[in-house]
Amino acid sequence: MKLFSSIRGKLLVCFFVFILLFNIVSISIYFSSTRLTNEYNTSFERFLIFNSISQQADELYENTNAYVRDPTEDNLTAYYISRLELRNEETRLADNMDEAENMELSNYLNLIDSLVRNSEITVGFVLRDNIERYTSYLEETQNSASYIQENTLSLIDLELTEYQKLYADLQSRNESFRIFTIFLFMTTVMIAVFFAFWFSAGINRPLQSLSAAAKEVSGGDFKGDPVQIRSNDEMKLLGDTFNQMRADITEYVEEMKDKAEMDRLMKELELKHLQNQINPHFLFNTLNTVSKMAYLEDADDTSHLIDSVSALLRYNLGNLKNSVSLRDEVEIVQSYFHIQQTRFQGRVDFTVELEENTLYIRVPRLILQPLVENAFIHGVESLEDGGTIALCVWRQNNQVMVEIADNGIGMEDEQIQKVLSPEWVESEKHVGHSTGLGLTNVIRRLQLFYQTENVVQIDAAPDKGTVIRLVLPEFSQEKGEFANEGSYSGG
């Protein structure tokens, strides 16, 4: 609910709940008091009506008797007034009667009618001067008035009895109302306590979680569990913001680590590049081969060999921080192939299979030559004959696959796992490498360049050769653009 999506909404809910409870109590008290008051007023009004009817009945008889004795206009007027007042009281009594009233009250009303009728007949005979008849009806009027007096006392006794029942009922209701009031008070207190704990817990628990997470961050732990806040109010927004902030810090720290690692690798690369831009052992063998070629062959082959050496030297001395196209890497490997084929004649066979539409992608500088050198030096150089190194490049599922395969001595599974492990650091000197770089350096630079771990696959077995396969995305995740459009920087 939107009402519970903010702390202000929760406070309003608590406020309205208490207002509702207080209104229920007030309305209950009001209606209960009103009902009790109405019942009391009805009972008391009947007492007054009975008393008034008793007085009006006596007065009606007295005025009738006075008119019989002295039939003047004043006495007749007094008679009519007393009769009217008695009729009014009779109407009031009838209005206060319920349908379930007892027979005595109905008989009482009939007595009033009889009294009024007898008095009217008496007055009528007086007007006609019929002494015998009005004397008889005057006596009936007196008897009716006496009956009314007696019945009034009887009805008052009944009303007192009913009033006692009403009083007992009032006492019972008061007790029930007292219990209800206590129950309502206790319920209100419990609801208030519940809302207090619910509201405070909704603020306190998230604050404790945020406080604990903040201590973790201040202690350098950026990879803790996200702060879980189940509410949908401002605390939820605060928790989500904190989680996003910690994720951003973690990403920034990882990015800084990657940059530091890249700087380390590039410094290592530059240092090795300065120390042995062309390994003396490799340079000696190459120059020795050039010398023999100059002696044994015509100048064209020697020129081709020198061009290959020159291209290799020029490429290795290039800016290591710039990315290059895969075509550049393949061309320098072909120069390396030519040099080694010239050196070893028929002992090693080099083959190249390329898909031209894959050579445009950008890659870090010097990734293929170290791998080919590694295949030659550690794979096939020790073979006396039949050594083979193959370079294949093709596209597969929006990825460019680069494979360097040899039929040399192969590798143990344990050695493969070490090479692929991020924690493994090469300590050996790369004797015979023109770059001074090993397999681990190449793998790590590719991982940092493409921002993914799965860039290298190695298939090998002892005495069955080695296949190193590079899986290069056509889309660079680091740059957010196609790999062939990016540039490579180590810093």
Protein backbone atom coordinates (compact mmCIF):
# COMPACT_ATOMS: atom_id res chain seq x y z
CA MET A 1 0.00 0.00 0.00
CA LYS A 2 1.18 3.51 -0.81
CA LEU A 3 0.17 4.63 2.69
CA PHE A 4 2.90 2.40 4.18
CA SER A 5 5.54 3.47 1.65
CA SER A 6 6.84 6.26 3.89
CA ILE A 7 7.53 6.86 7.56
CA ARG A 8 5.07 9.76 7.48
CA GLY A 9 2.37 7.40 6.20
CA LYS A 10 3.01 4.95 9.04
CA LEU A 11 2.72 7.75 11.60
CA LEU A 12 -0.57 8.85 10.05
CA VAL A 13 -1.89 5.28 10.23
CA CYS A 14 -1.01 5.07 13.93
CA PHE A 15 -2.65 8.44 14.55
CA PHE A 16 -5.87 7.53 12.73
CA VAL A 17 -6.09 4.14 14.48
CA PHE A 18 -5.99 5.81 17.89
CA ILE A 19 -8.46 8.49 16.80
CA LEU A 20 -10.79 5.73 15.59
CA LEU A 21 -10.53 3.85 18.88
CA PHE A 22 -11.22 6.98 20.92
CA ASN A 23 -14.21 7.80 18.72
CA ILE A 24 -15.58 4.28 19.18
CA VAL A 25 -15.31 4.67 22.95
CA SER A 26 -16.92 8.10 22.88
CA ILE A 27 -19.78 7.00 20.62
CA SER A 28 -20.37 3.88 22.73
CA ILE A 29 -20.56 5.97 25.90
CA TYR A 30 -22.86 8.48 24.24
CA PHE A 31 -25.37 5.96 22.88
CA SER A 32 -25.38 3.93 26.08
CA SER A 33 -25.96 7.04 28.19
CA THR A 34 -28.66 8.26 25.82
CA ARG A 35 -30.51 4.94 25.95
CA LEU A 36 -30.38 4.79 29.74
CA THR A 37 -31.56 8.40 30.00
CA ASN A 38 -34.46 7.76 27.62
CA GLU A 39 -35.60 4.72 29.59
CA TYR A 40 -35.42 6.68 32.83
CA ASN A 41 -37.27 9.65 31.33
CA THR A 42 -40.01 7.38 29.99
CA SER A 43 -40.51 5.74 33.38
CA PHE A 44 -40.46 9.07 35.23
CA GLU A 45 -42.85 10.67 32.74
CA ARG A 46 -45.38 7.90 33.40
CA PHE A 47 -45.26 8.66 37.10
CA LEU A 48 -46.06 12.28 36.31
CA ILE A 49 -48.87 11.31 33.90
CA PHE A 50 -50.48 8.94 36.42
CA ASN A 51 -50.35 11.62 39.10
CA SER A 52 -51.77 14.23 36.73
CA ILE A 53 -54.60 11.90 35.58
CA SER A 54 -55.50 11.17 39.19
CA GLN A 55 -55.71 14.91 39.94
CA GLN A 56 -57.59 15.71 36.72
CA ALA A 57 -60.11 12.89 37.40
CA ASP A 58 -60.88 14.33 40.86
CA GLU A 59 -61.09 17.82 39.41
CA LEU A 60 -63.43 16.65 36.63
CA TYR A 61 -65.76 15.05 39.18
CA GLU A 62 -65.65 18.16 41.39
CA ASN A 63 -66.45 20.47 38.47
CA THR A 64 -69.25 18.15 37.32
CA ASN A 65 -70.71 18.09 40.84
CA ALA A 66 -70.36 21.89 41.10
CA TYR A 67 -72.25 22.35 37.85
CA VAL A 68 -75.00 19.97 39.05
CA ARG A 69 -75.43 22.03 42.21
CA ASP A 70 -75.07 25.40 40.51
CA PRO A 71 -75.52 25.20 36.72
CA THR A 72 -73.84 28.49 35.86
CA GLU A 73 -71.71 29.38 32.84
CA ASP A 74 -68.57 29.60 34.97
CA ASN A 75 -69.03 26.11 36.38
CA LEU A 76 -69.77 24.75 32.90
CA THR A 77 -66.60 26.39 31.55
CA ALA A 78 -64.57 24.94 34.42
CA TYR A 79 -66.03 21.51 33.60
CA TYR A 80 -65.03 21.76 29.93
CA ILE A 81 -61.51 22.84 30.85
CA SER A 82 -60.99 19.95 33.28
CA ARG A 83 -62.42 17.50 30.73
CA LEU A 84 -60.03 18.79 28.04
CA GLU A 85 -57.04 18.53 30.36
CA LEU A 86 -57.99 14.96 31.28
CA ARG A 87 -58.28 14.07 27.59
CA ASN A 88 -54.82 15.56 26.98
CA GLU A 89 -53.31 13.48 29.77
CA GLU A 90 -55.06 10.41 28.38
CA THR A 91 -53.46 11.09 24.98
CA ARG A 92 -50.04 11.49 26.59
CA LEU A 93 -50.46 8.18 28.38
CA ALA A 94 -51.54 6.44 25.18
CA ASP A 95 -48.50 7.84 23.36
CA ASN A 96 -46.21 6.41 26.04
CA MET A 97 -47.74 2.96 25.80
CA ASP A 98 -46.04 0.14 23.88
CA GLU A 99 -47.95 -2.50 21.99
CA ALA A 100 -46.82 -5.06 24.53
CA GLU A 101 -48.26 -3.13 27.52
CA ASN A 102 -50.41 -5.15 29.97
CA MET A 103 -54.20 -5.22 30.19
CA GLU A 104 -54.34 -3.13 33.37
CA LEU A 105 -53.08 -0.09 31.52
CA SER A 106 -55.66 -0.62 28.78
CA ASN A 107 -58.42 -0.94 31.39
CA TYR A 108 -57.12 2.23 32.97
CA LEU A 109 -57.63 4.11 29.72
CA ASN A 110 -61.12 2.64 29.45
CA LEU A 111 -61.90 3.95 32.96
CA ILE A 112 -60.86 7.43 31.86
CA ASP A 113 -63.16 7.19 28.85
CA SER A 114 -65.97 5.96 31.13
CA LEU A 115 -65.40 8.87 33.54
CA VAL A 116 -65.50 11.42 30.75
CA ARG A 117 -68.57 9.83 29.17
CA ASN A 118 -70.50 9.67 32.49
CA SER A 119 -69.62 13.29 33.24
CA GLU A 120 -70.82 14.37 29.81
CA ILE A 121 -74.13 12.48 30.26
CA THR A 122 -74.56 14.04 33.70
CA VAL A 123 -74.03 17.55 32.32
CA GLY A 124 -76.42 16.77 29.48
CA PHE A 125 -79.22 15.75 31.82
CA VAL A 126 -78.57 18.82 33.95
CA LEU A 127 -79.06 20.97 30.87
CA ARG A 128 -82.41 19.15 30.25
CA ASP A 129 -83.24 19.49 33.97
CA ASN A 130 -83.74 15.74 34.40
CA ILE A 131 -82.93 15.45 38.09
CA GLU A 132 -83.49 11.71 38.40
CA ARG A 133 -81.21 10.82 35.54
CA TYR A 134 -78.30 13.21 36.21
CA THR A 135 -78.27 12.16 39.88
CA SER A 136 -77.75 8.55 38.80
CA TYR A 137 -74.98 9.44 36.32
CA LEU A 138 -73.31 11.78 38.80
CA GLU A 139 -72.98 8.80 41.11
CA GLU A 140 -71.48 6.79 38.20
CA THR A 141 -69.06 9.64 37.58
CA GLN A 142 -68.01 9.56 41.22
CA ASN A 143 -67.51 5.80 41.09
CA SER A 144 -65.40 6.11 37.92
CA ALA A 145 -63.24 8.76 39.57
CA SER A 146 -62.78 6.49 42.59
CA TYR A 147 -61.83 3.56 40.35
CA ILE A 148 -59.31 5.75 38.59
CA GLN A 149 -57.74 6.69 41.92
CA GLU A 150 -57.46 3.05 42.94
CA ASN A 151 -56.09 1.95 39.56
CA THR A 152 -53.63 4.84 39.57
CA LEU A 153 -52.15 3.59 42.84
CA SER A 154 -52.04 0.06 41.44
CA LEU A 155 -50.33 1.19 38.24
CA ILE A 156 -47.84 3.29 40.18
CA ASP A 157 -46.99 0.18 42.19
CA LEU A 158 -46.46 -1.71 38.92
CA GLU A 159 -44.29 1.10 37.58
CA LEU A 160 -42.21 1.02 40.75
CA THR A 161 -41.77 -2.72 40.27
CA GLU A 162 -40.71 -2.15 36.66
CA TYR A 163 -38.46 0.65 37.79
CA GLN A 164 -36.73 -1.73 40.17
CA LYS A 165 -36.16 -4.07 37.24
CA LEU A 166 -34.95 -1.12 35.18
CA TYR A 167 -32.60 -0.11 37.97
CA ALA A 168 -31.23 -3.65 38.21
CA ASP A 169 -30.82 -3.68 34.44
CA LEU A 170 -29.06 -0.33 34.64
CA GLN A 171 -26.69 -1.72 37.23
CA SER A 172 -26.00 -4.75 35.05
CA ARG A 173 -25.42 -2.55 32.03
CA ASN A 174 -23.12 -0.29 34.00
CA GLU A 175 -21.09 -3.32 35.05
CA SER A 176 -20.94 -4.59 31.47
CA PHE A 177 -20.00 -1.16 30.26
CA ARG A 178 -17.28 -0.95 32.91
CA ILE A 179 -15.87 -4.31 31.75
CA PHE A 180 -16.12 -3.17 28.13
CA THR A 181 -14.31 0.05 28.98
CA ILE A 182 -11.51 -1.86 30.72
CA PHE A 183 -11.27 -4.27 27.78
CA LEU A 184 -11.20 -1.40 25.30
CA PHE A 185 -8.55 0.36 27.36
CA MET A 186 -6.37 -2.76 27.50
CA THR A 187 -6.88 -3.35 23.78
CA THR A 188 -5.90 0.23 23.05
CA VAL A 189 -2.78 -0.12 25.19
CA MET A 190 -1.79 -3.38 23.45
CA ILE A 191 -2.38 -1.88 20.02
CA ALA A 192 -0.34 1.17 21.03
CA VAL A 193 2.50 -1.07 22.24
CA PHE A 194 2.30 -3.13 19.03
CA PHE A 195 2.45 -0.02 16.85
CA ALA A 196 5.31 1.36 18.93
CA PHE A 197 7.38 -1.83 18.54
CA TRP A 198 6.42 -2.20 14.88
CA PHE A 199 7.30 1.37 14.04
CA SER A 200 10.54 1.44 16.07
CA ALA A 201 11.61 -1.95 14.67
CA GLY A 202 10.94 -0.69 11.14
CA ILE A 203 13.48 2.07 11.76
CA ASN A 204 15.88 0.43 14.23
CA ARG A 205 16.55 -2.83 12.34
CA PRO A 206 17.45 -1.12 9.04
CA LEU A 207 19.64 1.37 10.91
CA GLN A 208 21.47 -1.48 12.66
CA SER A 209 22.00 -3.26 9.32
CA LEU A 210 23.24 -0.05 7.71
CA SER A 211 25.52 0.64 10.70
CA ALA A 212 27.04 -2.87 10.52
CA ALA A 213 27.52 -2.56 6.76
CA ALA A 214 29.11 0.88 7.18
CA LYS A 215 31.59 -0.60 9.70
CA GLU A 216 32.46 -3.32 7.17
CA VAL A 217 33.08 -0.71 4.48
CA SER A 218 35.16 1.44 6.84
CA GLY A 219 37.23 -1.69 7.61
CA GLY A 220 37.92 -2.25 3.91
CA ASP A 221 35.38 -5.03 3.31
CA PHE A 222 33.56 -3.93 0.16
CA LYS A 223 32.21 -7.37 -0.79
CA GLY A 224 29.88 -8.02 2.14
CA ASP A 225 26.29 -9.13 1.74
CA PRO A 226 23.88 -6.42 0.53
CA VAL A 227 21.79 -4.70 3.19
CA GLN A 228 18.32 -6.28 3.08
CA ILE A 229 15.49 -3.90 4.05
CA ARG A 230 11.99 -5.29 3.56
CA SER A 231 10.03 -2.09 4.12
CA ASN A 232 9.08 0.21 1.25
CA ASP A 233 9.69 3.53 2.98
CA GLU A 234 12.63 5.93 3.06
CA MET A 235 14.75 3.31 4.86
CA LYS A 236 14.42 1.05 1.80
CA LEU A 237 15.66 3.87 -0.42
CA LEU A 238 18.54 4.52 1.98
CA GLY A 239 19.51 0.82 2.00
CA ASP A 240 19.35 0.53 -1.80
CA THR A 241 21.43 3.68 -2.15
CA PHE A 242 24.03 2.30 0.28
CA ASN A 243 24.16 -1.03 -1.59
CA GLN A 244 24.63 0.79 -4.89
CA MET A 245 27.34 2.96 -3.35
CA ARG A 246 29.20 -0.11 -2.05
CA ALA A 247 28.85 -1.84 -5.42
CA ASP A 248 30.23 1.27 -7.14
CA ILE A 249 33.14 1.41 -4.68
CA THR A 250 33.82 -2.31 -5.22
CA GLU A 251 33.77 -1.83 -8.98
CA TYR A 252 36.08 1.16 -8.69
CA VAL A 253 38.51 -0.75 -6.44
CA GLU A 254 38.53 -3.69 -8.87
CA GLU A 255 39.13 -1.30 -11.72
CA MET A 256 42.03 0.27 -9.83
CA LYS A 257 43.45 -3.21 -9.13
CA ASP A 258 43.17 -4.10 -12.81
CA LYS A 259 44.92 -0.88 -13.77
CA ALA A 260 47.63 -1.53 -11.20
CA GLU A 261 48.05 -5.07 -12.52
CA MET A 262 48.21 -3.76 -16.07
CA ASP A 263 50.82 -1.19 -15.03
CA ARG A 264 52.85 -3.94 -13.37
CA LEU A 265 52.68 -6.12 -16.46
CA MET A 266 53.56 -3.26 -18.75
CA LYS A 267 56.52 -2.28 -16.57
CA GLU A 268 57.61 -5.90 -16.54
CA LEU A 269 57.19 -5.99 -20.31
CA GLU A 270 59.12 -2.76 -20.79
CA LEU A 271 61.89 -3.87 -18.41
CA LYS A 272 62.32 -7.17 -20.19
CA HIS A 273 62.11 -5.33 -23.46
CA LEU A 274 64.98 -3.08 -22.44
CA GLN A 275 67.02 -5.91 -20.93
CA ASN A 276 66.76 -8.28 -23.84
CA GLN A 277 64.93 -6.69 -26.72
CA ILE A 278 66.46 -9.46 -28.79
CA ASN A 279 67.72 -12.34 -26.69
CA PRO A 280 71.47 -12.78 -27.31
CA HIS A 281 71.03 -16.50 -27.91
CA PHE A 282 68.33 -15.89 -30.51
CA LEU A 283 70.27 -13.03 -32.12
CA PHE A 284 73.42 -15.17 -32.31
CA ASN A 285 71.62 -18.05 -34.00
CA THR A 286 69.85 -15.74 -36.42
CA LEU A 287 73.00 -13.88 -37.42
CA ASN A 288 74.84 -17.18 -37.79
CA THR A 289 72.11 -18.35 -40.14
CA VAL A 290 72.34 -15.10 -42.12
CA SER A 291 76.09 -15.62 -42.40
CA LYS A 292 75.67 -19.13 -43.74
CA MET A 293 72.99 -17.97 -46.19
CA ALA A 294 75.28 -15.24 -47.46
CA TYR A 295 77.91 -17.87 -48.07
CA LEU A 296 75.78 -20.60 -49.59
CA GLU A 297 72.94 -18.82 -51.40
CA ASP A 298 72.26 -15.92 -53.66
CA ALA A 299 71.55 -12.49 -52.27
CA ASP A 300 67.71 -12.69 -52.75
CA ASP A 301 67.13 -15.26 -50.04
CA THR A 302 69.55 -13.51 -47.76
CA SER A 303 67.73 -10.25 -48.37
CA HIS A 304 64.40 -11.89 -47.55
CA LEU A 305 65.80 -13.27 -44.33
CA ILE A 306 67.28 -9.94 -43.35
CA ASP A 307 63.91 -8.28 -44.08
CA SER A 308 62.22 -10.74 -41.73
CA VAL A 309 64.76 -10.05 -38.99
CA SER A 310 64.40 -6.32 -39.54
CA ALA A 311 60.60 -6.51 -39.35
CA LEU A 312 60.83 -8.56 -36.18
CA LEU A 313 63.24 -6.10 -34.57
CA ARG A 314 61.16 -3.11 -35.64
CA TYR A 315 57.92 -4.65 -34.32
CA ASN A 316 59.45 -5.66 -30.99
CA LEU A 317 60.81 -2.16 -30.49
CA GLY A 318 57.39 -0.56 -31.08
CA ASN A 319 55.26 1.19 -28.42
CA LEU A 320 53.99 -1.59 -26.15
CA LYS A 321 51.07 0.49 -24.85
CA ASN A 322 49.31 0.69 -28.20
CA SER A 323 46.94 -2.02 -29.40
CA VAL A 324 47.43 -3.45 -32.87
CA SER A 325 45.31 -5.33 -35.37
CA LEU A 326 45.34 -9.10 -35.41
CA ARG A 327 46.73 -8.85 -38.96
CA ASP A 328 49.88 -7.12 -37.61
CA GLU A 329 50.38 -9.94 -35.11
CA VAL A 330 49.92 -12.60 -37.79
CA GLU A 331 52.37 -10.89 -40.16
CA ILE A 332 55.11 -10.68 -37.51
CA VAL A 333 54.55 -14.38 -36.68
CA GLN A 334 54.96 -15.20 -40.37
CA SER A 335 58.28 -13.33 -40.31
CA TYR A 336 59.27 -15.38 -37.27
CA PHE A 337 58.20 -18.57 -39.11
CA HIS A 338 60.42 -17.63 -42.07
CA ILE A 339 63.43 -17.05 -39.83
CA GLN A 340 63.00 -20.38 -38.03
CA GLN A 341 62.31 -22.31 -41.24
CA THR A 342 65.48 -20.87 -42.70
CA ARG A 343 67.39 -21.82 -39.59
CA PHE A 344 66.13 -25.40 -39.20
CA GLN A 345 65.49 -26.19 -42.86
CA GLY A 346 63.24 -29.26 -43.03
CA ARG A 347 63.21 -30.11 -39.31
CA VAL A 348 60.17 -27.92 -38.54
CA ASP A 349 57.12 -27.31 -40.69
CA PHE A 350 55.10 -24.11 -40.21
CA THR A 351 51.52 -23.79 -41.54
CA VAL A 352 49.12 -20.85 -41.48
CA GLU A 353 45.33 -20.92 -42.10
CA LEU A 354 43.48 -17.61 -41.91
CA GLU A 355 40.01 -16.18 -42.44
CA GLU A 356 40.69 -12.71 -43.77
CA ASN A 357 37.54 -11.16 -42.30
CA THR A 358 38.80 -11.88 -38.77
CA LEU A 359 42.07 -9.96 -38.94
CA TYR A 360 40.62 -6.50 -38.29
CA ILE A 361 40.05 -6.86 -34.53
CA ARG A 362 42.29 -5.02 -32.07
CA VAL A 363 44.54 -6.99 -29.72
CA PRO A 364 47.37 -6.17 -27.29
CA ARG A 365 50.82 -5.97 -28.87
CA LEU A 366 53.02 -9.09 -28.77
CA ILE A 367 50.52 -11.85 -27.93
CA LEU A 368 51.08 -14.32 -30.80
CA GLN A 369 54.87 -14.25 -31.15
CA PRO A 370 55.53 -15.31 -27.50
CA LEU A 371 53.07 -18.20 -27.91
CA VAL A 372 54.65 -19.37 -31.17
CA GLU A 373 58.12 -19.07 -29.64
CA ASN A 374 56.88 -21.05 -26.64
CA ALA A 375 55.57 -23.79 -28.98
CA PHE A 376 58.90 -23.89 -30.81
CA ILE A 377 61.28 -23.75 -27.83
CA HIS A 378 59.35 -25.98 -25.39
CA GLY A 379 57.53 -28.09 -27.95
CA VAL A 380 59.33 -29.01 -31.16
CA GLU A 381 62.90 -27.67 -30.91
CA SER A 382 64.09 -30.87 -29.26
CA LEU A 383 62.67 -33.01 -32.08
CA GLU A 384 65.22 -34.09 -34.66
CA ASP A 385 62.66 -34.26 -37.44
CA GLY A 386 58.94 -33.90 -38.18
CA GLY A 387 58.19 -30.93 -35.95
CA THR A 388 55.01 -29.03 -36.86
CA ILE A 389 53.62 -25.70 -35.68
CA ALA A 390 50.27 -24.51 -37.07
CA LEU A 391 48.59 -21.10 -36.73
CA CYS A 392 44.85 -21.03 -37.47
CA VAL A 393 42.44 -18.07 -37.23
CA TRP A 394 38.66 -18.34 -37.75
CA ARG A 395 35.34 -16.90 -36.57
CA GLN A 396 32.99 -18.85 -34.30
CA ASN A 397 29.81 -17.51 -32.58
CA ASN A 398 30.78 -13.81 -32.69
CA GLN A 399 34.26 -14.69 -31.45
CA VAL A 400 37.61 -14.89 -33.20
CA MET A 401 39.46 -18.11 -32.46
CA VAL A 402 43.28 -18.08 -32.70
CA GLU A 403 44.93 -21.48 -32.36
CA ILE A 404 48.66 -22.31 -32.09
CA ALA A 405 49.20 -26.07 -32.24
CA ASP A 406 52.40 -28.13 -32.13
CA ASN A 407 53.22 -31.84 -32.09
CA GLY A 408 55.95 -31.49 -29.48
CA ILE A 409 56.48 -32.91 -26.00
CA GLY A 410 53.14 -31.64 -24.64
CA MET A 411 52.24 -30.69 -21.04
CA GLU A 412 51.02 -32.35 -17.87
CA ASP A 413 47.54 -31.44 -16.54
CA GLU A 414 49.12 -30.04 -13.40
CA GLN A 415 51.31 -27.74 -15.44
CA ILE A 416 48.29 -26.58 -17.48
CA GLN A 417 46.40 -25.70 -14.30
CA LYS A 418 49.38 -23.74 -13.00
CA VAL A 419 49.67 -21.76 -16.21
CA LEU A 420 45.95 -20.90 -16.20
CA SER A 421 45.89 -20.02 -12.48
CA PRO A 422 45.79 -16.24 -11.80
CA GLU A 423 48.06 -16.73 -8.76
CA TRP A 424 50.87 -18.44 -10.72
CA VAL A 425 53.92 -16.29 -11.42
CA GLU A 426 56.59 -17.38 -13.89
CA SER A 427 60.07 -17.38 -12.45
CA GLU A 428 61.99 -19.02 -15.28
CA LYS A 429 64.12 -17.14 -17.77
CA HIS A 430 62.71 -17.33 -21.26
CA VAL A 431 65.83 -18.56 -23.00
CA GLY A 432 65.53 -18.26 -26.77
CA HIS A 433 62.55 -15.89 -26.67
CA SER A 434 63.00 -12.80 -28.78
CA THR A 435 60.55 -10.89 -26.54
CA GLY A 436 61.52 -12.21 -23.13
CA LEU A 437 57.79 -12.78 -22.42
CA GLY A 438 56.12 -15.95 -21.20
CA LEU A 439 52.68 -17.52 -21.56
CA THR A 440 51.38 -16.14 -18.24
CA ASN A 441 52.14 -12.55 -19.20
CA VAL A 442 50.23 -12.95 -22.46
CA ILE A 443 47.22 -14.54 -20.77
CA ARG A 444 46.98 -11.86 -18.08
CA ARG A 445 47.26 -8.99 -20.57
CA LEU A 446 44.49 -10.51 -22.70
CA GLN A 447 42.25 -10.88 -19.62
CA LEU A 448 42.78 -7.26 -18.66
CA PHE A 449 42.32 -6.03 -22.23
CA TYR A 450 39.00 -7.85 -22.77
CA GLN A 451 37.87 -7.76 -19.10
CA THR A 452 37.08 -11.48 -19.05
CA GLU A 453 38.83 -14.53 -17.62
CA ASN A 454 37.93 -17.00 -20.37
CA VAL A 455 40.33 -15.92 -23.10
CA VAL A 456 42.71 -18.91 -23.22
CA GLN A 457 42.15 -22.65 -23.61
CA ILE A 458 44.96 -25.23 -23.45
CA ASP A 459 44.67 -28.80 -24.71
CA ALA A 460 47.77 -30.89 -24.14
CA ALA A 461 49.05 -34.28 -23.11
CA PRO A 462 52.57 -35.63 -22.58
CA ASP A 463 54.26 -36.52 -25.91
CA LYS A 464 51.09 -35.61 -27.83
CA GLY A 465 51.67 -31.95 -28.47
CA THR A 466 50.02 -28.77 -27.23
CA VAL A 467 47.16 -26.63 -28.54
CA ILE A 468 46.81 -23.09 -27.21
CA ARG A 469 43.54 -21.49 -28.27
CA LEU A 470 42.75 -17.79 -27.79
CA VAL A 471 39.06 -16.86 -27.60
CA LEU A 472 38.90 -13.18 -28.59
CA PRO A 473 35.56 -11.32 -28.42
CA GLU A 474 34.68 -9.18 -31.39
CA PHE A 475 33.10 -6.78 -28.90
CA SER A 476 35.37 -5.23 -26.27
CA GLN A 477 33.61 -5.19 -22.88
CA GLU A 478 36.25 -2.90 -21.44
CA LYS A 479 35.68 -0.13 -23.96
CA GLY A 480 31.99 -0.69 -24.66
CA GLU A 481 32.72 -0.71 -28.40
CA PHE A 482 33.86 -3.11 -31.11
CA ALA A 483 37.34 -4.36 -30.41
CA ASN A 484 38.67 -3.26 -33.76
CA GLU A 485 37.78 0.35 -32.92
CA GLY A 486 39.48 0.54 -29.51
CA SER A 487 42.98 1.41 -28.46
CA TYR A 488 45.06 -0.36 -25.86
CA SER A 489 46.69 1.45 -22.96
CA GLY A 490 48.56 -0.11 -20.15
CA GLY A 491 48.23 2.86 -17.82
